[in-house]
Amino acid sequence: MTSHGWDIQKDKSIGYGVRLNKVFDVFTRLTLKFVDVHVVVSRSMIKDAIEAGSDLSKLRIIYNGIDVMKALSPMKTSILDQYKITEDDFIILYLGRLHPKKRPEDVVKAFAIVAQRISNAKLVIAGKGIEEKKLKKLAAELNLEDKVIFTGFVSDDEKWDLLKRCDIFVLPSIIEGHPITLIEAMACGKPVIATNVGPFPEIIKDGETGILVPACSPGHLADAIINLAQDNERRIKMEERAREDVKNRFDINKTVGYYLKIYEDVIGQRMRKMMRINKD
């Protein structure tokens, strides 16, 4: 069994996690009792797994992987062109569900500060979710309607084009398993900014492949964006390191290899057990 987050994590303050439902909590505990191996996608999830009923001896960590070749393929759409975003614009990208756990409102609040310092900055918010109306209202209240672009749902090709054309990728979540969009952005050679919680310190080497900021702090997020935007040399170095780090640690081929090893071990254990039973 592999857990990616929602099945074992929970946060009552935002109503996140299937285990908030008592029936599903019991079902999860029963399931975990009988699995041979329980895979989690980050070290930070071990605590959640144990609280959900997992046995420490059964736990394995396998990070999510991506096809790094997609980051190198040519762009296939012109999604930014339809929003009249040009090469002269400095693009900050949020890509993901518009959900309270990801704190997209912090991105909009931070951008209000950024826009005062970086005149050519544009914020692209790609994704759908329950926070959409709230975010659009917030952007209007902050007089950012001409600088904040809401794309709604994007296709896979459009997603990759956005990742390749943005200048900075941001994800200020308060709870995550191992967000794939973050490593996809790094694979595209983009400096990433995320919160210093959950799996992010495992993924991002602070100051080298990205920047970690305190959670729920639009001010710190804005400072990090501004500092990167104004330091081209640092941003370029960070882009190179991020791309190389993803290639070394999060290539899908390595992920597949780790899973194959687990399958081989479990099958081997079962076969040896059956052989002992037959001998008896």
C-alpha atoms as a PDB file:
ATOM      1  CA  MET A   1       0.000   0.000   0.000  1.00  0.00           C
ATOM      2  CA  THR A   2       1.238   3.488  -0.856  1.00  0.00           C
ATOM      3  CA  SER A   3      -0.001   6.602   0.940  1.00  0.00           C
ATOM      4  CA  HIS A   4       0.243   9.962  -0.786  1.00  0.00           C
ATOM      5  CA  GLY A   5      -1.250  12.180   1.903  1.00  0.00           C
ATOM      6  CA  TRP A   6      -5.013  12.526   2.157  1.00  0.00           C
ATOM      7  CA  ASP A   7      -5.502   8.874   3.135  1.00  0.00           C
ATOM      8  CA  ILE A   8      -3.441   9.099   6.334  1.00  0.00           C
ATOM      9  CA  GLN A   9      -2.808  12.801   6.993  1.00  0.00           C
ATOM     10  CA  LYS A  10      -5.385  15.001   8.672  1.00  0.00           C
ATOM     11  CA  ASP A  11      -5.845  18.608   9.716  1.00  0.00           C
ATOM     12  CA  LYS A  12      -9.074  19.469  11.517  1.00  0.00           C
ATOM     13  CA  SER A  13      -8.607  23.212  11.060  1.00  0.00           C
ATOM     14  CA  ILE A  14      -9.123  22.917   7.289  1.00  0.00           C
ATOM     15  CA  GLY A  15     -11.192  19.721   7.222  1.00  0.00           C
ATOM     16  CA  TYR A  16      -8.437  17.818   5.445  1.00  0.00           C
ATOM     17  CA  GLY A  17      -7.965  14.058   5.527  1.00  0.00           C
ATOM     18  CA  VAL A  18     -10.193  11.019   5.097  1.00  0.00           C
ATOM     19  CA  ARG A  19      -9.423   9.879   8.671  1.00  0.00           C
ATOM     20  CA  LEU A  20     -11.523  12.734  10.044  1.00  0.00           C
ATOM     21  CA  ASN A  21     -14.401  10.400   9.213  1.00  0.00           C
ATOM     22  CA  LYS A  22     -14.502   7.731  11.963  1.00  0.00           C
ATOM     23  CA  VAL A  23     -15.647   4.972   9.587  1.00  0.00           C
ATOM     24  CA  PHE A  24     -12.781   5.625   7.184  1.00  0.00           C
ATOM     25  CA  ASP A  25     -10.363   5.909  10.090  1.00  0.00           C
ATOM     26  CA  VAL A  26     -11.298   2.393  11.243  1.00  0.00           C
ATOM     27  CA  PHE A  27     -11.134   1.065   7.681  1.00  0.00           C
ATOM     28  CA  THR A  28      -7.653   2.574   7.245  1.00  0.00           C
ATOM     29  CA  ARG A  29      -6.418   0.970  10.474  1.00  0.00           C
ATOM     30  CA  LEU A  30      -7.732  -2.432   9.422  1.00  0.00           C
ATOM     31  CA  THR A  31      -6.136  -2.121   5.999  1.00  0.00           C
ATOM     32  CA  LEU A  32      -2.766  -1.123   7.429  1.00  0.00           C
ATOM     33  CA  LYS A  33      -2.884  -4.043   9.835  1.00  0.00           C
ATOM     34  CA  PHE A  34      -2.880  -6.567   6.994  1.00  0.00           C
ATOM     35  CA  VAL A  35      -0.530  -5.011   4.429  1.00  0.00           C
ATOM     36  CA  ASP A  36       2.962  -6.450   4.025  1.00  0.00           C
ATOM     37  CA  VAL A  37       4.586  -3.116   3.269  1.00  0.00           C
ATOM     38  CA  HIS A  38       3.349   0.436   3.740  1.00  0.00           C
ATOM     39  CA  VAL A  39       5.060   2.981   1.484  1.00  0.00           C
ATOM     40  CA  VAL A  40       4.961   6.683   2.262  1.00  0.00           C
ATOM     41  CA  VAL A  41       6.218   9.317  -0.174  1.00  0.00           C
ATOM     42  CA  SER A  42       8.217  11.394   2.311  1.00  0.00           C
ATOM     43  CA  ARG A  43       9.954  10.989   5.648  1.00  0.00           C
ATOM     44  CA  SER A  44       7.627  13.585   7.143  1.00  0.00           C
ATOM     45  CA  MET A  45       4.695  11.186   6.638  1.00  0.00           C
ATOM     46  CA  ILE A  46       6.074   8.512   8.974  1.00  0.00           C
ATOM     47  CA  LYS A  47       4.437  10.174  11.987  1.00  0.00           C
ATOM     48  CA  ASP A  48       1.102  10.332  10.129  1.00  0.00           C
ATOM     49  CA  ALA A  49       1.409   6.677   9.127  1.00  0.00           C
ATOM     50  CA  ILE A  50       2.005   5.496  12.687  1.00  0.00           C
ATOM     51  CA  GLU A  51      -0.899   7.603  13.972  1.00  0.00           C
ATOM     52  CA  ALA A  52      -3.067   6.020  11.261  1.00  0.00           C
ATOM     53  CA  GLY A  53      -2.196   2.539  12.540  1.00  0.00           C
ATOM     54  CA  SER A  54       0.855   1.540  10.536  1.00  0.00           C
ATOM     55  CA  ASP A  55       3.642  -0.612  11.953  1.00  0.00           C
ATOM     56  CA  LEU A  56       7.060   1.067  11.859  1.00  0.00           C
ATOM     57  CA  SER A  57       8.673  -2.199  10.742  1.00  0.00           C
ATOM     58  CA  LYS A  58       6.477  -2.233   7.624  1.00  0.00           C
ATOM     59  CA  LEU A  59       7.142   1.376   6.603  1.00  0.00           C
ATOM     60  CA  ARG A  60       9.254   2.281   3.577  1.00  0.00           C
ATOM     61  CA  ILE A  61       9.956   5.717   2.068  1.00  0.00           C
ATOM     62  CA  ILE A  62       9.850   6.108  -1.711  1.00  0.00           C
ATOM     63  CA  TYR A  63       9.754   9.631  -3.088  1.00  0.00           C
ATOM     64  CA  ASN A  64       7.472  10.410  -6.012  1.00  0.00           C
ATOM     65  CA  GLY A  65       9.259  10.424  -9.336  1.00  0.00           C
ATOM     66  CA  ILE A  66       8.706  12.211 -12.635  1.00  0.00           C
ATOM     67  CA  ASP A  67       9.652  11.727 -16.268  1.00  0.00           C
ATOM     68  CA  VAL A  68      12.467  14.270 -16.414  1.00  0.00           C
ATOM     69  CA  MET A  69      12.524  14.084 -20.216  1.00  0.00           C
ATOM     70  CA  LYS A  70       9.207  15.969 -20.345  1.00  0.00           C
ATOM     71  CA  ALA A  71      10.970  18.969 -18.867  1.00  0.00           C
ATOM     72  CA  LEU A  72      13.339  18.949 -21.846  1.00  0.00           C
ATOM     73  CA  SER A  73      10.727  18.518 -24.588  1.00  0.00           C
ATOM     74  CA  PRO A  74       9.686  21.543 -26.703  1.00  0.00           C
ATOM     75  CA  MET A  75       6.627  23.542 -25.664  1.00  0.00           C
ATOM     76  CA  LYS A  76       3.393  22.490 -27.352  1.00  0.00           C
ATOM     77  CA  THR A  77       0.891  25.234 -26.506  1.00  0.00           C
ATOM     78  CA  SER A  78       0.771  29.010 -26.213  1.00  0.00           C
ATOM     79  CA  ILE A  79      -1.262  29.254 -23.037  1.00  0.00           C
ATOM     80  CA  LEU A  80       0.432  32.431 -21.819  1.00  0.00           C
ATOM     81  CA  ASP A  81       0.007  34.194 -25.153  1.00  0.00           C
ATOM     82  CA  GLN A  82      -3.767  34.112 -24.815  1.00  0.00           C
ATOM     83  CA  TYR A  83      -3.418  36.107 -21.595  1.00  0.00           C
ATOM     84  CA  LYS A  84      -1.143  38.655 -23.303  1.00  0.00           C
ATOM     85  CA  ILE A  85       1.846  37.728 -21.175  1.00  0.00           C
ATOM     86  CA  THR A  86       5.085  38.573 -22.945  1.00  0.00           C
ATOM     87  CA  GLU A  87       8.748  37.639 -22.608  1.00  0.00           C
ATOM     88  CA  ASP A  88       9.286  40.916 -20.761  1.00  0.00           C
ATOM     89  CA  ASP A  89       6.986  39.888 -17.911  1.00  0.00           C
ATOM     90  CA  PHE A  90       8.403  38.304 -14.768  1.00  0.00           C
ATOM     91  CA  ILE A  91       6.116  35.343 -14.105  1.00  0.00           C
ATOM     92  CA  ILE A  92       5.392  33.919 -10.658  1.00  0.00           C
ATOM     93  CA  LEU A  93       3.472  30.656 -10.933  1.00  0.00           C
ATOM     94  CA  TYR A  94       1.170  28.845  -8.528  1.00  0.00           C
ATOM     95  CA  LEU A  95      -0.011  25.562 -10.032  1.00  0.00           C
ATOM     96  CA  GLY A  96      -2.223  23.189  -8.091  1.00  0.00           C
ATOM     97  CA  ARG A  97      -5.602  22.742  -6.455  1.00  0.00           C
ATOM     98  CA  LEU A  98      -7.078  25.892  -4.990  1.00  0.00           C
ATOM     99  CA  HIS A  99      -7.490  24.311  -1.568  1.00  0.00           C
ATOM    100  CA  PRO A 100      -6.985  25.765   1.938  1.00  0.00           C
ATOM    101  CA  LYS A 101      -4.168  23.278   2.656  1.00  0.00           C
ATOM    102  CA  LYS A 102      -2.089  24.855  -0.128  1.00  0.00           C
ATOM    103  CA  ARG A 103      -2.709  28.422   1.107  1.00  0.00           C
ATOM    104  CA  PRO A 104      -3.079  30.088  -2.322  1.00  0.00           C
ATOM    105  CA  GLU A 105      -4.388  33.201  -0.552  1.00  0.00           C
ATOM    106  CA  ASP A 106      -0.857  33.713   0.823  1.00  0.00           C
ATOM    107  CA  VAL A 107       0.423  33.858  -2.762  1.00  0.00           C
ATOM    108  CA  VAL A 108      -2.039  36.617  -3.687  1.00  0.00           C
ATOM    109  CA  LYS A 109      -1.289  38.591  -0.508  1.00  0.00           C
ATOM    110  CA  ALA A 110       2.450  38.217  -1.084  1.00  0.00           C
ATOM    111  CA  PHE A 111       2.078  39.291  -4.696  1.00  0.00           C
ATOM    112  CA  ALA A 112       0.444  42.551  -3.601  1.00  0.00           C
ATOM    113  CA  ILE A 113       3.797  43.406  -1.999  1.00  0.00           C
ATOM    114  CA  VAL A 114       5.840  42.037  -4.910  1.00  0.00           C
ATOM    115  CA  ALA A 115       3.921  44.069  -7.501  1.00  0.00           C
ATOM    116  CA  GLN A 116       4.951  47.301  -5.762  1.00  0.00           C
ATOM    117  CA  ARG A 117       8.648  46.418  -6.154  1.00  0.00           C
ATOM    118  CA  ILE A 118       8.734  44.434  -9.413  1.00  0.00           C
ATOM    119  CA  SER A 119       6.842  46.466 -11.988  1.00  0.00           C
ATOM    120  CA  ASN A 120       6.766  43.762 -14.674  1.00  0.00           C
ATOM    121  CA  ALA A 121       5.674  40.970 -12.313  1.00  0.00           C
ATOM    122  CA  LYS A 122       2.648  38.853 -13.192  1.00  0.00           C
ATOM    123  CA  LEU A 123       1.075  36.150 -11.049  1.00  0.00           C
ATOM    124  CA  VAL A 124      -0.387  33.123 -12.808  1.00  0.00           C
ATOM    125  CA  ILE A 125      -2.693  30.922 -10.732  1.00  0.00           C
ATOM    126  CA  ALA A 126      -3.383  27.661 -12.546  1.00  0.00           C
ATOM    127  CA  GLY A 127      -5.897  25.205 -11.151  1.00  0.00           C
ATOM    128  CA  LYS A 128      -9.433  24.837  -9.861  1.00  0.00           C
ATOM    129  CA  GLY A 129     -10.834  24.438  -6.378  1.00  0.00           C
ATOM    130  CA  ILE A 130     -13.037  25.694  -3.596  1.00  0.00           C
ATOM    131  CA  GLU A 131     -10.857  28.765  -2.978  1.00  0.00           C
ATOM    132  CA  GLU A 132     -11.261  30.190  -6.494  1.00  0.00           C
ATOM    133  CA  LYS A 133     -14.019  32.745  -5.798  1.00  0.00           C
ATOM    134  CA  LYS A 134     -12.310  33.876  -2.616  1.00  0.00           C
ATOM    135  CA  LEU A 135      -9.005  34.379  -4.458  1.00  0.00           C
ATOM    136  CA  LYS A 136     -10.573  36.367  -7.293  1.00  0.00           C
ATOM    137  CA  LYS A 137     -12.334  38.586  -4.769  1.00  0.00           C
ATOM    138  CA  LEU A 138      -9.070  39.098  -2.880  1.00  0.00           C
ATOM    139  CA  ALA A 139      -7.202  40.018  -6.080  1.00  0.00           C
ATOM    140  CA  ALA A 140      -9.910  42.578  -6.889  1.00  0.00           C
ATOM    141  CA  GLU A 141      -9.789  44.077  -3.385  1.00  0.00           C
ATOM    142  CA  LEU A 142      -6.013  44.468  -3.708  1.00  0.00           C
ATOM    143  CA  ASN A 143      -6.368  46.086  -7.159  1.00  0.00           C
ATOM    144  CA  LEU A 144      -4.403  43.283  -8.803  1.00  0.00           C
ATOM    145  CA  GLU A 145      -6.902  42.236 -11.450  1.00  0.00           C
ATOM    146  CA  ASP A 146      -4.638  43.327 -14.326  1.00  0.00           C
ATOM    147  CA  LYS A 147      -1.628  41.482 -12.889  1.00  0.00           C
ATOM    148  CA  VAL A 148      -3.154  38.228 -11.583  1.00  0.00           C
ATOM    149  CA  ILE A 149      -4.231  35.662 -14.175  1.00  0.00           C
ATOM    150  CA  PHE A 150      -6.525  32.775 -13.277  1.00  0.00           C
ATOM    151  CA  THR A 151      -6.257  30.055 -15.934  1.00  0.00           C
ATOM    152  CA  GLY A 152      -8.549  27.484 -14.340  1.00  0.00           C
ATOM    153  CA  PHE A 153      -7.866  23.828 -15.133  1.00  0.00           C
ATOM    154  CA  VAL A 154      -4.920  23.273 -17.478  1.00  0.00           C
ATOM    155  CA  SER A 155      -4.068  20.286 -19.665  1.00  0.00           C
ATOM    156  CA  ASP A 156      -0.836  18.332 -19.228  1.00  0.00           C
ATOM    157  CA  ASP A 157       0.795  20.152 -22.161  1.00  0.00           C
ATOM    158  CA  GLU A 158      -0.338  23.525 -20.809  1.00  0.00           C
ATOM    159  CA  LYS A 159       1.013  22.618 -17.375  1.00  0.00           C
ATOM    160  CA  TRP A 160       4.477  21.894 -18.769  1.00  0.00           C
ATOM    161  CA  ASP A 161       4.435  25.089 -20.824  1.00  0.00           C
ATOM    162  CA  LEU A 162       3.605  27.125 -17.734  1.00  0.00           C
ATOM    163  CA  LEU A 163       6.395  25.445 -15.772  1.00  0.00           C
ATOM    164  CA  LYS A 164       8.899  26.127 -18.537  1.00  0.00           C
ATOM    165  CA  ARG A 165       7.935  29.769 -19.031  1.00  0.00           C
ATOM    166  CA  CYS A 166       7.573  30.902 -15.430  1.00  0.00           C
ATOM    167  CA  ASP A 167      10.449  32.573 -13.577  1.00  0.00           C
ATOM    168  CA  ILE A 168       9.607  31.420 -10.040  1.00  0.00           C
ATOM    169  CA  PHE A 169       7.332  28.636  -8.774  1.00  0.00           C
ATOM    170  CA  VAL A 170       5.642  29.021  -5.374  1.00  0.00           C
ATOM    171  CA  LEU A 171       3.796  26.555  -3.146  1.00  0.00           C
ATOM    172  CA  PRO A 172       3.055  27.769   0.408  1.00  0.00           C
ATOM    173  CA  SER A 173       1.191  24.665   1.663  1.00  0.00           C
ATOM    174  CA  ILE A 174       0.707  23.855   5.333  1.00  0.00           C
ATOM    175  CA  ILE A 175       0.400  20.098   4.737  1.00  0.00           C
ATOM    176  CA  GLU A 176       1.608  17.898   1.853  1.00  0.00           C
ATOM    177  CA  GLY A 177       2.737  14.374   1.060  1.00  0.00           C
ATOM    178  CA  HIS A 178       5.255  14.903  -1.738  1.00  0.00           C
ATOM    179  CA  PRO A 179       3.926  17.406  -4.306  1.00  0.00           C
ATOM    180  CA  ILE A 180       4.807  16.397  -7.849  1.00  0.00           C
ATOM    181  CA  THR A 181       4.356  19.872  -9.359  1.00  0.00           C
ATOM    182  CA  LEU A 182       7.184  21.154  -7.168  1.00  0.00           C
ATOM    183  CA  ILE A 183       9.710  18.657  -8.516  1.00  0.00           C
ATOM    184  CA  GLU A 184       8.363  19.184 -12.034  1.00  0.00           C
ATOM    185  CA  ALA A 185       9.137  22.892 -11.675  1.00  0.00           C
ATOM    186  CA  MET A 186      12.632  22.061 -10.428  1.00  0.00           C
ATOM    187  CA  ALA A 187      13.123  19.690 -13.376  1.00  0.00           C
ATOM    188  CA  CYS A 188      12.342  22.633 -15.662  1.00  0.00           C
ATOM    189  CA  GLY A 189      15.138  24.538 -13.970  1.00  0.00           C
ATOM    190  CA  LYS A 190      12.923  26.877 -11.984  1.00  0.00           C
ATOM    191  CA  PRO A 191      13.772  28.218  -8.536  1.00  0.00           C
ATOM    192  CA  VAL A 192      11.039  27.152  -6.135  1.00  0.00           C
ATOM    193  CA  ILE A 193       9.769  28.736  -2.952  1.00  0.00           C
ATOM    194  CA  ALA A 194       7.848  26.637  -0.437  1.00  0.00           C
ATOM    195  CA  THR A 195       7.083  26.541   3.258  1.00  0.00           C
ATOM    196  CA  ASN A 196       9.426  25.041   5.829  1.00  0.00           C
ATOM    197  CA  VAL A 197       6.967  22.261   6.738  1.00  0.00           C
ATOM    198  CA  GLY A 198       6.270  18.618   5.891  1.00  0.00           C
ATOM    199  CA  PRO A 199       8.244  17.204   2.965  1.00  0.00           C
ATOM    200  CA  PHE A 200       9.598  20.511   1.651  1.00  0.00           C
ATOM    201  CA  PRO A 201      12.870  20.455   3.657  1.00  0.00           C
ATOM    202  CA  GLU A 202      13.431  16.947   2.227  1.00  0.00           C
ATOM    203  CA  ILE A 203      12.880  18.117  -1.340  1.00  0.00           C
ATOM    204  CA  ILE A 204      14.418  21.600  -1.295  1.00  0.00           C
ATOM    205  CA  LYS A 205      17.993  22.325  -0.273  1.00  0.00           C
ATOM    206  CA  ASP A 206      17.353  25.728   1.227  1.00  0.00           C
ATOM    207  CA  GLY A 207      19.372  28.423  -0.506  1.00  0.00           C
ATOM    208  CA  GLU A 208      20.686  25.998  -3.118  1.00  0.00           C
ATOM    209  CA  THR A 209      17.791  24.498  -5.097  1.00  0.00           C
ATOM    210  CA  GLY A 210      15.074  26.719  -3.693  1.00  0.00           C
ATOM    211  CA  ILE A 211      13.982  28.745  -0.695  1.00  0.00           C
ATOM    212  CA  LEU A 212      12.031  27.726   2.393  1.00  0.00           C
ATOM    213  CA  VAL A 213       9.867  30.290   4.188  1.00  0.00           C
ATOM    214  CA  PRO A 214       7.681  30.154   7.323  1.00  0.00           C
ATOM    215  CA  ALA A 215       4.150  28.872   6.772  1.00  0.00           C
ATOM    216  CA  CYS A 216       1.193  31.282   6.680  1.00  0.00           C
ATOM    217  CA  SER A 217       3.494  34.272   6.184  1.00  0.00           C
ATOM    218  CA  PRO A 218       2.814  36.287   3.015  1.00  0.00           C
ATOM    219  CA  GLY A 219       5.473  38.784   4.099  1.00  0.00           C
ATOM    220  CA  HIS A 220       8.269  36.201   4.129  1.00  0.00           C
ATOM    221  CA  LEU A 221       7.000  34.765   0.855  1.00  0.00           C
ATOM    222  CA  ALA A 222       7.048  38.222  -0.747  1.00  0.00           C
ATOM    223  CA  ASP A 223      10.593  38.899   0.489  1.00  0.00           C
ATOM    224  CA  ALA A 224      11.816  35.606  -0.979  1.00  0.00           C
ATOM    225  CA  ILE A 225      10.204  36.350  -4.359  1.00  0.00           C
ATOM    226  CA  ILE A 226      11.597  39.891  -4.480  1.00  0.00           C
ATOM    227  CA  ASN A 227      15.103  38.802  -3.484  1.00  0.00           C
ATOM    228  CA  LEU A 228      15.184  36.166  -6.217  1.00  0.00           C
ATOM    229  CA  ALA A 229      13.674  38.463  -8.818  1.00  0.00           C
ATOM    230  CA  GLN A 230      16.346  41.077  -8.153  1.00  0.00           C
ATOM    231  CA  ASP A 231      19.277  38.642  -8.153  1.00  0.00           C
ATOM    232  CA  ASN A 232      19.670  37.105 -11.602  1.00  0.00           C
ATOM    233  CA  GLU A 233      22.970  35.400 -10.805  1.00  0.00           C
ATOM    234  CA  ARG A 234      21.584  33.641  -7.743  1.00  0.00           C
ATOM    235  CA  ARG A 235      18.463  32.614  -9.630  1.00  0.00           C
ATOM    236  CA  ILE A 236      20.463  31.106 -12.492  1.00  0.00           C
ATOM    237  CA  LYS A 237      22.651  29.090 -10.101  1.00  0.00           C
ATOM    238  CA  MET A 238      19.560  27.872  -8.274  1.00  0.00           C
ATOM    239  CA  GLU A 239      17.939  26.820 -11.557  1.00  0.00           C
ATOM    240  CA  GLU A 240      20.943  24.696 -12.539  1.00  0.00           C
ATOM    241  CA  ARG A 241      21.175  23.017  -9.135  1.00  0.00           C
ATOM    242  CA  ALA A 242      17.428  22.336  -9.012  1.00  0.00           C
ATOM    243  CA  ARG A 243      17.423  20.646 -12.413  1.00  0.00           C
ATOM    244  CA  GLU A 244      20.404  18.461 -11.530  1.00  0.00           C
ATOM    245  CA  ASP A 245      19.003  17.534  -8.115  1.00  0.00           C
ATOM    246  CA  VAL A 246      15.715  16.287  -9.593  1.00  0.00           C
ATOM    247  CA  LYS A 247      17.618  14.216 -12.142  1.00  0.00           C
ATOM    248  CA  ASN A 248      19.662  12.602  -9.352  1.00  0.00           C
ATOM    249  CA  ARG A 249      16.894  12.015  -6.797  1.00  0.00           C
ATOM    250  CA  PHE A 250      13.446  12.071  -8.374  1.00  0.00           C
ATOM    251  CA  ASP A 251      13.750  10.366 -11.766  1.00  0.00           C
ATOM    252  CA  ILE A 252      10.768   8.030 -12.293  1.00  0.00           C
ATOM    253  CA  ASN A 253      13.100   5.194 -13.289  1.00  0.00           C
ATOM    254  CA  LYS A 254      14.641   5.207  -9.821  1.00  0.00           C
ATOM    255  CA  THR A 255      11.179   5.233  -8.245  1.00  0.00           C
ATOM    256  CA  VAL A 256      10.151   2.205 -10.326  1.00  0.00           C
ATOM    257  CA  GLY A 257      13.320   0.399  -9.284  1.00  0.00           C
ATOM    258  CA  TYR A 258      12.574   0.939  -5.585  1.00  0.00           C
ATOM    259  CA  TYR A 259       9.036  -0.441  -6.002  1.00  0.00           C
ATOM    260  CA  LEU A 260      10.260  -3.463  -7.950  1.00  0.00           C
ATOM    261  CA  LYS A 261      12.672  -4.259  -5.102  1.00  0.00           C
ATOM    262  CA  ILE A 262       9.792  -4.158  -2.602  1.00  0.00           C
ATOM    263  CA  TYR A 263       7.643  -6.443  -4.782  1.00  0.00           C
ATOM    264  CA  GLU A 264      10.541  -8.893  -5.121  1.00  0.00           C
ATOM    265  CA  ASP A 265      11.134  -8.894  -1.358  1.00  0.00           C
ATOM    266  CA  VAL A 266       7.439  -9.454  -0.533  1.00  0.00           C
ATOM    267  CA  ILE A 267       7.047 -12.224  -3.121  1.00  0.00           C
ATOM    268  CA  GLY A 268      10.255 -13.841  -1.886  1.00  0.00           C
ATOM    269  CA  GLN A 269       9.017 -13.810   1.705  1.00  0.00           C
ATOM    270  CA  ARG A 270       5.689 -15.345   0.680  1.00  0.00           C
ATOM    271  CA  MET A 271       7.402 -18.054  -1.380  1.00  0.00           C
ATOM    272  CA  ARG A 272       9.731 -18.998   1.466  1.00  0.00           C
ATOM    273  CA  LYS A 273       6.794 -19.128   3.872  1.00  0.00           C
ATOM    274  CA  MET A 274       4.848 -21.414   1.518  1.00  0.00           C
ATOM    275  CA  MET A 275       7.863 -23.693   1.124  1.00  0.00           C
ATOM    276  CA  ARG A 276       8.190 -24.011   4.906  1.00  0.00           C
ATOM    277  CA  ILE A 277       4.486 -24.849   5.215  1.00  0.00           C
ATOM    278  CA  ASN A 278       4.754 -27.487   2.490  1.00  0.00           C
ATOM    279  CA  LYS A 279       7.763 -29.074   4.215  1.00  0.00           C
ATOM    280  CA  ASP A 280       5.872 -29.244   7.479  1.00  0.00           C
END
